[in-house]
């Protein structure tokens, strides 16, 4: 047991313990480290902090936003886009594009322009 303890990282006299302790002391995860304190204060005042009113305002705005895929309006707009002639993946778009390319309304095809 003594030998196990002497070589243990929990033994303050062990070199590895000393290295781990120094790493911890300078770590941003150590609440006693100044950098931790700075990062914590930045987080507390951040809009990404769920405890901040601004975060809630932005979250509510996002929830009702048409950019939110969980919003039914997003789904409706997405379905409308999928079937839209402006959607390049829609076969109708391809047909209209080919018709335009060969059309006399296309400035590149009109010899009079």
C-alpha atoms as a PDB file:
ATOM      1  CA  UNK A   1       0.000   0.000   0.000  1.00  0.00           C
ATOM      2  CA  UNK A   2       2.827   2.383   0.830  1.00  0.00           C
ATOM      3  CA  UNK A   3       4.537   1.848  -2.505  1.00  0.00           C
ATOM      4  CA  UNK A   4       1.212   2.257  -4.274  1.00  0.00           C
ATOM      5  CA  UNK A   5       0.645   5.506  -2.405  1.00  0.00           C
ATOM      6  CA  UNK A   6       4.167   6.807  -3.094  1.00  0.00           C
ATOM      7  CA  UNK A   7       3.703   6.332  -6.837  1.00  0.00           C
ATOM      8  CA  UNK A   8       0.114   7.581  -6.800  1.00  0.00           C
ATOM      9  CA  UNK A   9      -0.818  10.823  -8.524  1.00  0.00           C
ATOM     10  CA  UNK A  10      -2.736  11.658  -5.335  1.00  0.00           C
ATOM     11  CA  UNK A  11       0.516  11.798  -3.356  1.00  0.00           C
ATOM     12  CA  UNK A  12       1.624  15.471  -3.066  1.00  0.00           C
ATOM     13  CA  UNK A  13       5.277  14.339  -2.964  1.00  0.00           C
ATOM     14  CA  UNK A  14       4.982  12.630  -6.356  1.00  0.00           C
ATOM     15  CA  UNK A  15       6.435  14.553  -9.307  1.00  0.00           C
ATOM     16  CA  UNK A  16       3.422  13.686 -11.459  1.00  0.00           C
ATOM     17  CA  UNK A  17       1.135  15.140  -8.778  1.00  0.00           C
ATOM     18  CA  UNK A  18       3.170  18.342  -8.884  1.00  0.00           C
ATOM     19  CA  UNK A  19       2.895  18.538 -12.678  1.00  0.00           C
ATOM     20  CA  UNK A  20      -0.846  17.893 -12.599  1.00  0.00           C
ATOM     21  CA  UNK A  21      -1.317  20.471  -9.850  1.00  0.00           C
ATOM     22  CA  UNK A  22       0.567  23.149 -11.799  1.00  0.00           C
ATOM     23  CA  UNK A  23      -1.445  22.331 -14.903  1.00  0.00           C
ATOM     24  CA  UNK A  24      -4.658  22.641 -12.883  1.00  0.00           C
ATOM     25  CA  UNK A  25      -3.599  25.918 -11.257  1.00  0.00           C
ATOM     26  CA  UNK A  26      -3.033  27.523 -14.658  1.00  0.00           C
ATOM     27  CA  UNK A  27      -6.102  25.894 -16.210  1.00  0.00           C
ATOM     28  CA  UNK A  28      -9.066  27.992 -17.332  1.00  0.00           C
ATOM     29  CA  UNK A  29     -11.222  25.367 -15.569  1.00  0.00           C
ATOM     30  CA  UNK A  30      -9.787  26.364 -12.186  1.00  0.00           C
ATOM     31  CA  UNK A  31     -12.213  28.814 -10.491  1.00  0.00           C
ATOM     32  CA  UNK A  32      -9.266  30.417  -8.671  1.00  0.00           C
ATOM     33  CA  UNK A  33      -7.553  31.300 -11.956  1.00  0.00           C
ATOM     34  CA  UNK A  34      -7.896  34.930 -13.086  1.00  0.00           C
ATOM     35  CA  UNK A  35      -8.554  33.816 -16.662  1.00  0.00           C
ATOM     36  CA  UNK A  36     -11.416  31.626 -15.433  1.00  0.00           C
ATOM     37  CA  UNK A  37     -12.872  34.656 -13.657  1.00  0.00           C
ATOM     38  CA  UNK A  38     -12.627  36.768 -16.826  1.00  0.00           C
ATOM     39  CA  UNK A  39     -14.204  34.048 -18.960  1.00  0.00           C
ATOM     40  CA  UNK A  40     -16.972  33.550 -16.390  1.00  0.00           C
ATOM     41  CA  UNK A  41     -17.798  37.270 -16.317  1.00  0.00           C
ATOM     42  CA  UNK A  42     -17.835  37.349 -20.117  1.00  0.00           C
ATOM     43  CA  UNK A  43     -20.181  34.323 -20.135  1.00  0.00           C
ATOM     44  CA  UNK A  44     -22.486  35.838 -17.510  1.00  0.00           C
ATOM     45  CA  UNK A  45     -22.977  38.959 -19.618  1.00  0.00           C
ATOM     46  CA  UNK A  46     -23.153  37.044 -22.900  1.00  0.00           C
ATOM     47  CA  UNK A  47     -26.334  36.785 -24.968  1.00  0.00           C
ATOM     48  CA  UNK A  48     -25.575  33.036 -25.129  1.00  0.00           C
ATOM     49  CA  UNK A  49     -26.145  32.709 -21.389  1.00  0.00           C
ATOM     50  CA  UNK A  50     -29.614  31.155 -20.952  1.00  0.00           C
ATOM     51  CA  UNK A  51     -30.026  33.052 -17.683  1.00  0.00           C
ATOM     52  CA  UNK A  52     -29.893  36.441 -19.450  1.00  0.00           C
ATOM     53  CA  UNK A  53     -33.129  38.193 -20.500  1.00  0.00           C
ATOM     54  CA  UNK A  54     -31.507  39.075 -23.829  1.00  0.00           C
ATOM     55  CA  UNK A  55     -30.930  35.384 -24.513  1.00  0.00           C
ATOM     56  CA  UNK A  56     -34.629  34.702 -23.894  1.00  0.00           C
ATOM     57  CA  UNK A  57     -35.646  37.543 -26.190  1.00  0.00           C
ATOM     58  CA  UNK A  58     -33.394  36.247 -28.955  1.00  0.00           C
ATOM     59  CA  UNK A  59     -34.552  32.666 -28.372  1.00  0.00           C
ATOM     60  CA  UNK A  60     -38.212  33.664 -28.590  1.00  0.00           C
ATOM     61  CA  UNK A  61     -37.469  35.647 -31.751  1.00  0.00           C
ATOM     62  CA  UNK A  62     -35.714  32.577 -33.195  1.00  0.00           C
ATOM     63  CA  UNK A  63     -38.554  30.241 -32.227  1.00  0.00           C
ATOM     64  CA  UNK A  64     -41.056  32.364 -34.135  1.00  0.00           C
ATOM     65  CA  UNK A  65     -38.639  33.060 -37.006  1.00  0.00           C
ATOM     66  CA  UNK A  66     -39.296  31.706 -40.484  1.00  0.00           C
ATOM     67  CA  UNK A  67     -35.634  30.561 -40.440  1.00  0.00           C
ATOM     68  CA  UNK A  68     -36.377  28.110 -37.624  1.00  0.00           C
ATOM     69  CA  UNK A  69     -36.892  24.650 -39.187  1.00  0.00           C
ATOM     70  CA  UNK A  70     -39.200  23.705 -36.300  1.00  0.00           C
ATOM     71  CA  UNK A  71     -41.584  26.550 -37.134  1.00  0.00           C
ATOM     72  CA  UNK A  72     -44.618  25.420 -39.218  1.00  0.00           C
ATOM     73  CA  UNK A  73     -44.232  28.564 -41.331  1.00  0.00           C
ATOM     74  CA  UNK A  74     -40.691  27.463 -42.245  1.00  0.00           C
ATOM     75  CA  UNK A  75     -42.101  24.111 -43.354  1.00  0.00           C
ATOM     76  CA  UNK A  76     -44.756  25.805 -45.491  1.00  0.00           C
ATOM     77  CA  UNK A  77     -42.197  28.142 -47.078  1.00  0.00           C
ATOM     78  CA  UNK A  78     -39.809  25.245 -47.685  1.00  0.00           C
ATOM     79  CA  UNK A  79     -42.489  23.189 -49.394  1.00  0.00           C
ATOM     80  CA  UNK A  80     -43.482  26.214 -51.480  1.00  0.00           C
ATOM     81  CA  UNK A  81     -39.823  26.692 -52.467  1.00  0.00           C
ATOM     82  CA  UNK A  82     -39.384  23.014 -53.346  1.00  0.00           C
ATOM     83  CA  UNK A  83     -42.275  23.189 -55.794  1.00  0.00           C
ATOM     84  CA  UNK A  84     -41.374  26.695 -56.987  1.00  0.00           C
ATOM     85  CA  UNK A  85     -40.259  27.394 -60.545  1.00  0.00           C
ATOM     86  CA  UNK A  86     -37.383  29.382 -58.959  1.00  0.00           C
ATOM     87  CA  UNK A  87     -35.965  26.202 -57.430  1.00  0.00           C
ATOM     88  CA  UNK A  88     -33.182  24.907 -59.721  1.00  0.00           C
ATOM     89  CA  UNK A  89     -33.858  21.341 -58.504  1.00  0.00           C
ATOM     90  CA  UNK A  90     -37.445  21.507 -59.785  1.00  0.00           C
ATOM     91  CA  UNK A  91     -37.893  19.877 -63.251  1.00  0.00           C
ATOM     92  CA  UNK A  92     -40.168  22.763 -64.236  1.00  0.00           C
ATOM     93  CA  UNK A  93     -37.293  25.188 -63.615  1.00  0.00           C
ATOM     94  CA  UNK A  94     -35.120  23.139 -65.953  1.00  0.00           C
ATOM     95  CA  UNK A  95     -37.802  23.191 -68.666  1.00  0.00           C
ATOM     96  CA  UNK A  96     -38.298  26.939 -68.311  1.00  0.00           C
ATOM     97  CA  UNK A  97     -34.545  27.529 -68.383  1.00  0.00           C
ATOM     98  CA  UNK A  98     -34.112  25.510 -71.554  1.00  0.00           C
ATOM     99  CA  UNK A  99     -37.049  27.346 -73.121  1.00  0.00           C
ATOM    100  CA  UNK A 100     -35.462  30.683 -72.137  1.00  0.00           C
ATOM    101  CA  UNK A 101     -32.068  29.722 -73.512  1.00  0.00           C
ATOM    102  CA  UNK A 102     -33.549  29.043 -76.957  1.00  0.00           C
ATOM    103  CA  UNK A 103     -36.033  31.928 -76.788  1.00  0.00           C
ATOM    104  CA  UNK A 104     -35.916  35.003 -78.986  1.00  0.00           C
ATOM    105  CA  UNK A 105     -36.319  36.960 -75.739  1.00  0.00           C
ATOM    106  CA  UNK A 106     -32.864  35.788 -74.694  1.00  0.00           C
ATOM    107  CA  UNK A 107     -30.488  38.615 -75.742  1.00  0.00           C
ATOM    108  CA  UNK A 108     -27.808  36.062 -76.642  1.00  0.00           C
ATOM    109  CA  UNK A 109     -30.157  34.314 -79.078  1.00  0.00           C
ATOM    110  CA  UNK A 110     -31.689  37.424 -80.645  1.00  0.00           C
ATOM    111  CA  UNK A 111     -29.720  38.421 -83.759  1.00  0.00           C
ATOM    112  CA  UNK A 112     -31.342  41.873 -83.750  1.00  0.00           C
ATOM    113  CA  UNK A 113     -29.946  42.904 -80.344  1.00  0.00           C
END
